[in-house]
């Protein structure tokens, strides 16, 4: 019976490890014992230079999840894969995780795939000078006063007729001033 295992890999090489395990299993005729290999990740929206882009981010950097029917051949296949440091578990023995725990790791990835979460990374912080990109205050410059990550809003102090006026905008509506 196949169980889920967490494989520790070099950070940044998770996808290469996944491909290497699958192709090596195919080559050795162990495909039926290696049911699934996944790199838990989610899709997030980032704002770079005023443009929104979708980015795939790993939720567990340095780890790969694999559903394996563990035996000596499968253990050595995974252990001898380049960029793999071992299995998660005590004293070097692979410790399986439950289906529910594995589903939790993929739950975030599946929810993000179904409807990408409105999580945005911004390249400015409180106190930075920013330029308003659109809306009634387009081309105005201001200073970031507050960031609300729950609502993806930023409060910017804009000078209107010589008087500082707080304006609330979406994260995408402002960019860092050069």
N, C-alpha and C. Protein backbone atom coordinates (compact mmCIF):
# COMPACT_ATOMS: atom_id res chain seq x y z
N UNK A 1 0.84 -1.19 0.00
CA UNK A 1 0.00 0.00 0.00
C UNK A 1 0.89 1.25 0.00
N UNK A 2 0.56 2.19 -0.85
CA UNK A 2 1.35 3.42 -0.97
C UNK A 2 0.99 4.39 0.15
N UNK A 3 2.02 5.05 0.69
CA UNK A 3 1.83 6.06 1.74
C UNK A 3 2.59 7.32 1.33
N UNK A 4 2.23 8.44 1.92
CA UNK A 4 2.91 9.71 1.63
C UNK A 4 4.16 9.84 2.48
N UNK A 5 5.25 10.28 1.85
CA UNK A 5 6.51 10.52 2.53
C UNK A 5 7.00 11.91 2.17
N UNK A 6 7.70 12.54 3.09
CA UNK A 6 8.29 13.85 2.83
C UNK A 6 9.78 13.64 2.56
N UNK A 7 10.21 14.11 1.40
CA UNK A 7 11.61 13.97 0.98
C UNK A 7 12.28 15.33 1.13
N UNK A 8 13.45 15.33 1.77
CA UNK A 8 14.20 16.57 1.93
C UNK A 8 15.14 16.72 0.73
N UNK A 9 15.04 17.86 0.04
CA UNK A 9 15.85 18.11 -1.16
C UNK A 9 16.55 19.46 -1.02
N UNK A 10 17.55 19.71 -1.84
CA UNK A 10 18.20 21.01 -1.86
C UNK A 10 17.15 22.05 -2.24
N UNK A 11 17.15 23.15 -1.54
CA UNK A 11 16.21 24.22 -1.84
C UNK A 11 16.48 24.77 -3.24
N UNK A 12 15.40 24.94 -4.02
CA UNK A 12 15.53 25.42 -5.39
C UNK A 12 15.60 24.30 -6.41
N UNK A 13 15.76 23.06 -5.95
CA UNK A 13 15.88 21.92 -6.86
C UNK A 13 14.69 20.97 -6.72
N UNK A 14 13.61 21.42 -6.09
CA UNK A 14 12.47 20.54 -5.82
C UNK A 14 11.87 19.95 -7.10
N UNK A 15 11.70 20.78 -8.13
CA UNK A 15 11.11 20.28 -9.38
C UNK A 15 12.05 19.33 -10.10
N UNK A 16 13.35 19.58 -10.05
CA UNK A 16 14.33 18.67 -10.66
C UNK A 16 14.32 17.32 -9.94
N UNK A 17 14.19 17.35 -8.62
CA UNK A 17 14.13 16.10 -7.84
C UNK A 17 12.88 15.32 -8.22
N UNK A 18 11.74 16.02 -8.34
CA UNK A 18 10.48 15.37 -8.74
C UNK A 18 10.65 14.66 -10.07
N UNK A 19 11.18 15.39 -11.08
CA UNK A 19 11.38 14.81 -12.41
C UNK A 19 12.37 13.65 -12.37
N UNK A 20 13.44 13.79 -11.60
CA UNK A 20 14.46 12.74 -11.52
C UNK A 20 13.89 11.46 -10.90
N UNK A 21 13.08 11.60 -9.86
CA UNK A 21 12.48 10.43 -9.20
C UNK A 21 11.55 9.72 -10.18
N UNK A 22 10.70 10.49 -10.86
CA UNK A 22 9.74 9.88 -11.79
C UNK A 22 10.45 9.20 -12.97
N UNK A 23 11.46 9.85 -13.53
CA UNK A 23 12.14 9.24 -14.69
C UNK A 23 12.99 8.03 -14.27
N UNK A 24 13.59 8.10 -13.10
CA UNK A 24 14.40 6.96 -12.62
C UNK A 24 13.49 5.77 -12.29
N UNK A 25 12.31 6.04 -11.73
CA UNK A 25 11.35 4.97 -11.44
C UNK A 25 10.91 4.29 -12.74
N UNK A 26 10.69 5.10 -13.76
CA UNK A 26 10.32 4.58 -15.07
C UNK A 26 11.44 3.69 -15.63
N UNK A 27 12.65 4.20 -15.54
CA UNK A 27 13.81 3.47 -16.07
C UNK A 27 14.04 2.14 -15.35
N UNK A 28 13.81 2.13 -14.04
CA UNK A 28 14.06 0.92 -13.25
C UNK A 28 12.85 -0.01 -13.19
N UNK A 29 11.73 0.40 -13.81
CA UNK A 29 10.53 -0.43 -13.80
C UNK A 29 9.79 -0.40 -12.48
N UNK A 30 9.92 0.71 -11.74
CA UNK A 30 9.26 0.82 -10.43
C UNK A 30 8.11 1.83 -10.44
N UNK A 31 7.62 2.15 -11.63
CA UNK A 31 6.57 3.17 -11.75
C UNK A 31 5.32 2.83 -10.94
N UNK A 32 4.99 1.54 -10.84
CA UNK A 32 3.79 1.15 -10.09
C UNK A 32 3.97 1.37 -8.59
N UNK A 33 5.22 1.45 -8.10
CA UNK A 33 5.48 1.69 -6.68
C UNK A 33 5.60 3.18 -6.35
N UNK A 34 5.88 4.00 -7.35
CA UNK A 34 5.96 5.45 -7.17
C UNK A 34 4.69 6.03 -7.79
N UNK A 35 3.64 6.17 -6.95
CA UNK A 35 2.34 6.61 -7.47
C UNK A 35 2.31 8.08 -7.86
N UNK A 36 2.89 8.95 -6.99
CA UNK A 36 2.76 10.38 -7.21
C UNK A 36 3.92 11.11 -6.54
N UNK A 37 4.40 12.16 -7.17
CA UNK A 37 5.44 13.01 -6.59
C UNK A 37 4.99 14.45 -6.82
N UNK A 38 4.94 15.23 -5.73
CA UNK A 38 4.42 16.60 -5.82
C UNK A 38 5.34 17.58 -5.10
N UNK A 39 5.38 18.81 -5.63
CA UNK A 39 6.07 19.92 -4.98
C UNK A 39 4.96 20.87 -4.54
N UNK A 40 4.67 20.94 -3.22
CA UNK A 40 3.60 21.82 -2.75
C UNK A 40 3.90 23.28 -3.07
N UNK A 41 2.96 23.94 -3.78
CA UNK A 41 3.16 25.34 -4.16
C UNK A 41 1.80 26.03 -4.26
N UNK A 42 1.85 27.36 -4.32
CA UNK A 42 0.63 28.16 -4.46
C UNK A 42 0.91 29.29 -5.44
N UNK A 43 -0.15 29.82 -6.04
CA UNK A 43 -0.03 30.93 -6.96
C UNK A 43 -0.37 32.21 -6.22
N UNK A 44 0.53 33.18 -6.28
CA UNK A 44 0.28 34.47 -5.64
C UNK A 44 0.47 35.58 -6.67
N UNK A 45 -0.15 36.71 -6.41
CA UNK A 45 -0.02 37.87 -7.28
C UNK A 45 0.97 38.83 -6.65
N UNK A 46 1.95 39.26 -7.44
CA UNK A 46 2.93 40.23 -6.97
C UNK A 46 2.83 41.47 -7.83
N UNK A 47 3.18 42.60 -7.24
CA UNK A 47 3.22 43.85 -8.00
C UNK A 47 4.68 44.23 -8.16
N UNK A 48 5.13 44.26 -9.39
CA UNK A 48 6.51 44.66 -9.71
C UNK A 48 6.44 45.81 -10.70
N UNK A 49 7.01 46.94 -10.35
CA UNK A 49 7.03 48.13 -11.21
C UNK A 49 5.62 48.50 -11.70
N UNK A 50 4.66 48.38 -10.81
CA UNK A 50 3.29 48.77 -11.14
C UNK A 50 2.49 47.75 -11.92
N UNK A 51 3.07 46.61 -12.26
CA UNK A 51 2.37 45.58 -13.04
C UNK A 51 2.10 44.37 -12.14
N UNK A 52 0.88 43.82 -12.28
CA UNK A 52 0.54 42.60 -11.53
C UNK A 52 1.03 41.39 -12.31
N UNK A 53 1.72 40.48 -11.62
CA UNK A 53 2.15 39.23 -12.25
C UNK A 53 1.82 38.06 -11.33
N UNK A 54 1.49 36.93 -11.94
CA UNK A 54 1.21 35.70 -11.20
C UNK A 54 2.52 34.95 -11.00
N UNK A 55 2.80 34.54 -9.76
CA UNK A 55 4.05 33.85 -9.45
C UNK A 55 3.71 32.56 -8.70
N UNK A 56 4.38 31.49 -9.07
CA UNK A 56 4.23 30.21 -8.39
C UNK A 56 5.23 30.19 -7.24
N UNK A 57 4.75 30.07 -5.99
CA UNK A 57 5.63 30.05 -4.84
C UNK A 57 5.51 28.72 -4.10
N UNK A 58 6.63 28.14 -3.74
CA UNK A 58 6.63 26.87 -3.01
C UNK A 58 6.18 27.11 -1.57
N UNK A 59 5.24 26.28 -1.10
CA UNK A 59 4.78 26.43 0.28
C UNK A 59 5.69 25.71 1.25
N UNK A 60 6.47 24.75 0.77
CA UNK A 60 7.43 24.03 1.60
C UNK A 60 8.78 23.97 0.88
N UNK A 61 9.53 25.09 0.87
CA UNK A 61 10.81 25.07 0.15
C UNK A 61 11.74 24.00 0.74
N UNK A 62 12.38 23.26 -0.14
CA UNK A 62 13.31 22.22 0.30
C UNK A 62 12.67 20.86 0.55
N UNK A 63 11.37 20.74 0.28
CA UNK A 63 10.69 19.47 0.51
C UNK A 63 9.86 19.06 -0.69
N UNK A 64 9.78 17.75 -0.91
CA UNK A 64 8.98 17.16 -1.97
C UNK A 64 8.14 16.07 -1.33
N UNK A 65 6.86 15.98 -1.69
CA UNK A 65 6.00 14.92 -1.16
C UNK A 65 5.85 13.84 -2.20
N UNK A 66 5.95 12.59 -1.76
CA UNK A 66 5.83 11.47 -2.69
C UNK A 66 4.97 10.37 -2.08
N UNK A 67 4.07 9.83 -2.90
CA UNK A 67 3.24 8.70 -2.49
C UNK A 67 3.93 7.45 -3.02
N UNK A 68 4.50 6.69 -2.09
CA UNK A 68 5.33 5.55 -2.45
C UNK A 68 4.86 4.28 -1.76
N UNK A 69 4.97 3.15 -2.48
CA UNK A 69 4.81 1.84 -1.87
C UNK A 69 6.24 1.46 -1.47
N UNK A 70 6.61 1.76 -0.23
CA UNK A 70 8.01 1.69 0.20
C UNK A 70 8.51 0.25 0.27
N UNK A 71 9.65 0.04 -0.38
CA UNK A 71 10.44 -1.18 -0.22
C UNK A 71 11.90 -0.77 -0.39
N UNK A 72 12.83 -1.71 -0.33
CA UNK A 72 14.25 -1.37 -0.41
C UNK A 72 14.60 -0.69 -1.73
N UNK A 73 14.03 -1.18 -2.84
CA UNK A 73 14.34 -0.60 -4.15
C UNK A 73 13.88 0.86 -4.24
N UNK A 74 12.67 1.13 -3.76
CA UNK A 74 12.12 2.48 -3.81
C UNK A 74 12.93 3.39 -2.88
N UNK A 75 13.27 2.87 -1.70
CA UNK A 75 14.07 3.66 -0.75
C UNK A 75 15.40 4.08 -1.38
N UNK A 76 16.09 3.14 -2.01
CA UNK A 76 17.38 3.44 -2.62
C UNK A 76 17.23 4.33 -3.86
N UNK A 77 16.15 4.14 -4.60
CA UNK A 77 15.89 5.00 -5.76
C UNK A 77 15.82 6.46 -5.31
N UNK A 78 15.03 6.74 -4.27
CA UNK A 78 14.86 8.11 -3.79
C UNK A 78 16.14 8.61 -3.13
N UNK A 79 16.72 7.78 -2.27
CA UNK A 79 17.91 8.17 -1.50
C UNK A 79 19.10 8.49 -2.42
N UNK A 80 19.21 7.79 -3.56
CA UNK A 80 20.32 8.00 -4.48
C UNK A 80 20.03 9.03 -5.57
N UNK A 81 18.86 9.67 -5.50
CA UNK A 81 18.53 10.72 -6.47
C UNK A 81 19.40 11.94 -6.17
N UNK A 82 20.01 12.52 -7.21
CA UNK A 82 20.82 13.73 -6.98
C UNK A 82 19.98 14.85 -6.34
N UNK A 83 20.59 15.60 -5.46
CA UNK A 83 19.99 16.74 -4.74
C UNK A 83 19.00 16.32 -3.66
N UNK A 84 18.93 15.02 -3.32
CA UNK A 84 18.09 14.55 -2.23
C UNK A 84 18.99 14.30 -1.03
N UNK A 85 18.63 14.89 0.13
CA UNK A 85 19.44 14.66 1.33
C UNK A 85 18.86 13.55 2.20
N UNK A 86 17.62 13.18 1.98
CA UNK A 86 17.03 12.07 2.73
C UNK A 86 15.54 12.24 2.92
N UNK A 87 15.01 11.37 3.77
CA UNK A 87 13.59 11.40 4.10
C UNK A 87 13.40 12.11 5.43
N UNK A 88 12.22 12.66 5.63
CA UNK A 88 11.88 13.22 6.92
C UNK A 88 11.48 12.06 7.81
N UNK A 89 12.08 11.97 8.97
CA UNK A 89 11.79 10.89 9.89
C UNK A 89 12.94 10.73 10.86
N UNK A 90 12.68 9.98 11.92
CA UNK A 90 13.71 9.81 12.94
C UNK A 90 14.75 8.77 12.54
N UNK A 91 15.97 9.01 12.90
CA UNK A 91 17.13 8.13 12.68
C UNK A 91 17.25 7.63 11.23
N UNK A 92 16.95 8.51 10.27
CA UNK A 92 17.15 8.17 8.86
C UNK A 92 16.11 7.25 8.27
N UNK A 93 15.16 6.76 9.10
CA UNK A 93 14.10 5.89 8.57
C UNK A 93 12.99 6.75 8.02
N UNK A 94 12.50 6.42 6.82
CA UNK A 94 11.38 7.21 6.27
C UNK A 94 10.13 7.05 7.14
N UNK A 95 9.56 8.16 7.54
CA UNK A 95 8.37 8.17 8.39
C UNK A 95 7.20 8.62 7.54
N UNK A 96 6.21 7.74 7.28
CA UNK A 96 5.07 8.17 6.45
C UNK A 96 4.19 9.17 7.19
N UNK A 97 3.50 10.00 6.44
CA UNK A 97 2.52 10.92 7.02
C UNK A 97 1.14 10.46 6.61
N UNK A 98 0.14 10.90 7.33
CA UNK A 98 -1.23 10.46 7.06
C UNK A 98 -1.77 11.15 5.80
N UNK A 99 -2.82 10.56 5.24
CA UNK A 99 -3.49 11.14 4.07
C UNK A 99 -4.01 12.54 4.39
N UNK A 100 -4.53 12.71 5.62
CA UNK A 100 -5.07 14.02 6.02
C UNK A 100 -3.97 15.08 6.06
N UNK A 101 -2.82 14.70 6.60
CA UNK A 101 -1.71 15.65 6.66
C UNK A 101 -1.23 16.00 5.26
N UNK A 102 -1.14 15.01 4.38
CA UNK A 102 -0.74 15.27 3.00
C UNK A 102 -1.77 16.18 2.32
N UNK A 103 -3.04 15.95 2.58
CA UNK A 103 -4.10 16.77 1.99
C UNK A 103 -3.99 18.22 2.45
N UNK A 104 -3.53 18.41 3.71
CA UNK A 104 -3.34 19.77 4.21
C UNK A 104 -2.30 20.51 3.38
N UNK A 105 -1.20 19.82 3.04
CA UNK A 105 -0.15 20.46 2.25
C UNK A 105 -0.64 20.79 0.85
N UNK A 106 -1.47 19.90 0.30
CA UNK A 106 -1.98 20.12 -1.05
C UNK A 106 -3.23 20.98 -1.04
N UNK A 107 -3.91 21.04 0.10
CA UNK A 107 -5.11 21.84 0.21
C UNK A 107 -4.83 23.28 -0.16
N UNK A 108 -3.72 23.81 0.33
CA UNK A 108 -3.35 25.20 0.01
C UNK A 108 -3.07 25.32 -1.48
N UNK A 109 -2.39 24.34 -2.04
CA UNK A 109 -2.06 24.38 -3.46
C UNK A 109 -3.32 24.24 -4.32
N UNK A 110 -4.23 23.34 -3.91
CA UNK A 110 -5.46 23.15 -4.69
C UNK A 110 -6.38 24.36 -4.58
N UNK A 111 -6.45 24.96 -3.39
CA UNK A 111 -7.29 26.15 -3.22
C UNK A 111 -6.73 27.29 -4.06
N UNK A 112 -5.42 27.40 -4.09
CA UNK A 112 -4.79 28.46 -4.89
C UNK A 112 -5.01 28.21 -6.38
N UNK A 113 -4.98 26.95 -6.78
CA UNK A 113 -5.19 26.62 -8.19
C UNK A 113 -6.64 26.88 -8.58
N UNK A 114 -7.58 26.55 -7.69
CA UNK A 114 -8.99 26.74 -7.99
C UNK A 114 -9.33 28.23 -8.08
N UNK A 115 -8.87 29.00 -7.11
CA UNK A 115 -9.10 30.44 -7.10
C UNK A 115 -7.89 31.10 -6.48
N UNK A 116 -6.99 31.63 -7.29
CA UNK A 116 -5.76 32.21 -6.74
C UNK A 116 -6.05 33.22 -5.64
N UNK A 117 -5.40 33.03 -4.52
CA UNK A 117 -5.61 33.90 -3.38
C UNK A 117 -5.15 35.31 -3.73
N UNK A 118 -5.81 36.26 -3.16
CA UNK A 118 -5.49 37.66 -3.44
C UNK A 118 -4.37 38.09 -2.48
N UNK A 119 -3.23 37.42 -2.57
CA UNK A 119 -2.09 37.80 -1.77
C UNK A 119 -1.09 38.48 -2.69
N UNK A 120 -0.72 39.69 -2.33
CA UNK A 120 0.13 40.48 -3.20
C UNK A 120 1.39 40.89 -2.45
N UNK A 121 2.52 40.71 -3.09
CA UNK A 121 3.78 41.19 -2.53
C UNK A 121 4.04 42.57 -3.13
N UNK A 122 4.42 43.50 -2.29
CA UNK A 122 4.65 44.85 -2.75
C UNK A 122 6.11 45.22 -2.51
N UNK A 123 6.61 46.17 -3.30
CA UNK A 123 8.02 46.54 -3.17
C UNK A 123 8.18 47.91 -2.49
N UNK A 124 7.21 48.32 -1.66
CA UNK A 124 7.33 49.54 -0.88
C UNK A 124 6.84 49.26 0.53
N UNK A 125 7.22 50.15 1.48
CA UNK A 125 6.80 49.97 2.87
C UNK A 125 6.47 51.34 3.46
N UNK A 126 6.03 51.35 4.71
CA UNK A 126 5.63 52.58 5.37
C UNK A 126 6.80 53.55 5.38
N UNK A 127 6.50 54.81 5.00
CA UNK A 127 7.53 55.85 4.95
C UNK A 127 8.15 56.04 3.57
N UNK A 128 7.91 55.10 2.64
CA UNK A 128 8.48 55.21 1.29
C UNK A 128 7.67 56.22 0.46
N UNK A 129 8.37 56.88 -0.47
CA UNK A 129 7.71 57.77 -1.42
C UNK A 129 7.18 56.92 -2.57
N UNK A 130 5.90 57.15 -2.92
CA UNK A 130 5.28 56.38 -3.99
C UNK A 130 4.60 57.32 -4.97
N UNK A 131 4.32 56.79 -6.16
CA UNK A 131 3.62 57.53 -7.20
C UNK A 131 2.28 56.83 -7.44
N UNK A 132 1.20 57.58 -7.50
CA UNK A 132 -0.13 57.02 -7.78
C UNK A 132 -0.23 56.78 -9.28
N UNK A 133 -0.62 55.55 -9.67
CA UNK A 133 -0.65 55.16 -11.07
C UNK A 133 -1.98 55.44 -11.76
N UNK A 134 -3.11 55.22 -11.04
CA UNK A 134 -4.39 55.48 -11.67
C UNK A 134 -5.41 55.95 -10.65
N UNK A 135 -6.58 56.31 -11.13
CA UNK A 135 -7.61 56.86 -10.26
C UNK A 135 -7.57 58.37 -10.32
N UNK A 136 -8.36 59.03 -9.49
CA UNK A 136 -8.43 60.50 -9.53
C UNK A 136 -7.12 61.18 -9.13
N UNK A 137 -6.23 60.46 -8.44
CA UNK A 137 -4.97 61.04 -7.99
C UNK A 137 -3.78 60.56 -8.82
N UNK A 138 -4.05 60.08 -10.05
CA UNK A 138 -2.98 59.57 -10.91
C UNK A 138 -1.91 60.64 -11.10
N UNK A 139 -0.67 60.21 -11.08
CA UNK A 139 0.54 61.02 -11.24
C UNK A 139 0.89 61.85 -10.00
N UNK A 140 0.07 61.80 -8.94
CA UNK A 140 0.43 62.45 -7.69
C UNK A 140 1.50 61.62 -6.98
N UNK A 141 2.36 62.29 -6.23
CA UNK A 141 3.33 61.59 -5.38
C UNK A 141 2.88 61.71 -3.94
N UNK A 142 3.25 60.71 -3.14
CA UNK A 142 2.87 60.74 -1.73
C UNK A 142 3.77 59.84 -0.92
N UNK A 143 3.45 59.76 0.38
CA UNK A 143 4.22 58.94 1.31
C UNK A 143 3.30 57.89 1.91
N UNK A 144 3.76 56.63 1.95
CA UNK A 144 2.96 55.53 2.49
C UNK A 144 2.82 55.71 4.01
N UNK A 145 1.56 55.73 4.49
CA UNK A 145 1.30 55.86 5.92
C UNK A 145 0.90 54.54 6.55
N UNK A 146 0.09 53.74 5.83
CA UNK A 146 -0.41 52.46 6.37
C UNK A 146 -0.49 51.43 5.25
N UNK A 147 -0.34 50.15 5.64
CA UNK A 147 -0.53 49.03 4.70
C UNK A 147 -1.54 48.09 5.33
N UNK A 148 -2.60 47.75 4.61
CA UNK A 148 -3.61 46.81 5.09
C UNK A 148 -3.59 45.59 4.18
N UNK A 149 -2.89 44.53 4.63
CA UNK A 149 -2.73 43.34 3.81
C UNK A 149 -4.02 42.51 3.74
N UNK A 150 -4.92 42.66 4.71
CA UNK A 150 -6.18 41.93 4.66
C UNK A 150 -7.06 42.43 3.52
N UNK A 151 -7.05 43.74 3.31
CA UNK A 151 -7.89 44.33 2.27
C UNK A 151 -7.09 44.70 1.02
N UNK A 152 -5.76 44.47 1.04
CA UNK A 152 -4.88 44.85 -0.08
C UNK A 152 -5.00 46.34 -0.39
N UNK A 153 -4.99 47.15 0.66
CA UNK A 153 -5.12 48.60 0.52
C UNK A 153 -3.90 49.28 1.15
N UNK A 154 -3.59 50.47 0.64
CA UNK A 154 -2.49 51.28 1.15
C UNK A 154 -3.03 52.70 1.38
N UNK A 155 -2.65 53.30 2.52
CA UNK A 155 -3.03 54.69 2.79
C UNK A 155 -1.82 55.55 2.48
N UNK A 156 -2.01 56.49 1.56
CA UNK A 156 -0.93 57.35 1.10
C UNK A 156 -1.29 58.80 1.44
N UNK A 157 -0.32 59.53 1.98
CA UNK A 157 -0.50 60.95 2.25
C UNK A 157 -0.07 61.73 1.01
N UNK A 158 -1.07 62.34 0.33
CA UNK A 158 -0.84 63.05 -0.92
C UNK A 158 -1.00 64.55 -0.65
N UNK A 159 -0.15 65.38 -1.24
CA UNK A 159 -0.25 66.82 -1.06
C UNK A 159 -1.20 67.40 -2.11
N UNK A 160 -2.36 67.90 -1.63
CA UNK A 160 -3.36 68.51 -2.52
C UNK A 160 -3.52 69.96 -2.08
N UNK A 161 -3.25 70.88 -2.99
CA UNK A 161 -3.30 72.32 -2.71
C UNK A 161 -2.44 72.67 -1.49
N UNK A 162 -1.28 72.03 -1.38
CA UNK A 162 -0.34 72.34 -0.31
C UNK A 162 -0.68 71.71 1.03
N UNK A 163 -1.74 70.92 1.07
CA UNK A 163 -2.15 70.31 2.34
C UNK A 163 -2.07 68.79 2.21
N UNK A 164 -1.44 68.11 3.20
CA UNK A 164 -1.32 66.65 3.19
C UNK A 164 -2.70 66.03 3.42
N UNK A 165 -3.11 65.18 2.47
CA UNK A 165 -4.42 64.54 2.54
C UNK A 165 -4.25 63.03 2.45
N UNK A 166 -4.77 62.26 3.44
CA UNK A 166 -4.66 60.80 3.35
C UNK A 166 -5.63 60.24 2.31
N UNK A 167 -5.11 59.37 1.44
CA UNK A 167 -5.92 58.75 0.38
C UNK A 167 -5.73 57.24 0.48
N UNK A 168 -6.84 56.50 0.45
CA UNK A 168 -6.74 55.03 0.51
C UNK A 168 -6.87 54.46 -0.89
N UNK A 169 -5.88 53.61 -1.28
CA UNK A 169 -5.82 53.06 -2.63
C UNK A 169 -5.53 51.56 -2.57
N UNK A 170 -5.76 50.87 -3.71
CA UNK A 170 -5.37 49.46 -3.84
C UNK A 170 -3.86 49.40 -3.99
N UNK A 171 -3.26 48.24 -3.60
CA UNK A 171 -1.83 48.05 -3.75
C UNK A 171 -1.37 48.28 -5.18
N UNK A 172 -2.20 47.88 -6.17
CA UNK A 172 -1.81 47.98 -7.58
C UNK A 172 -1.83 49.42 -8.09
N UNK A 173 -2.46 50.33 -7.35
CA UNK A 173 -2.62 51.69 -7.83
C UNK A 173 -1.40 52.56 -7.55
N UNK A 174 -0.41 52.05 -6.80
CA UNK A 174 0.78 52.85 -6.50
C UNK A 174 2.04 52.04 -6.78
N UNK A 175 3.13 52.77 -7.05
CA UNK A 175 4.41 52.13 -7.23
C UNK A 175 5.47 52.98 -6.53
N UNK A 176 6.57 52.36 -6.21
CA UNK A 176 7.69 53.03 -5.56
C UNK A 176 8.22 54.13 -6.47
N UNK A 177 8.40 55.33 -5.93
CA UNK A 177 8.95 56.44 -6.73
C UNK A 177 10.42 56.19 -6.97
N UNK A 178 10.86 56.59 -8.16
CA UNK A 178 12.28 56.39 -8.48
C UNK A 178 13.09 57.58 -8.04
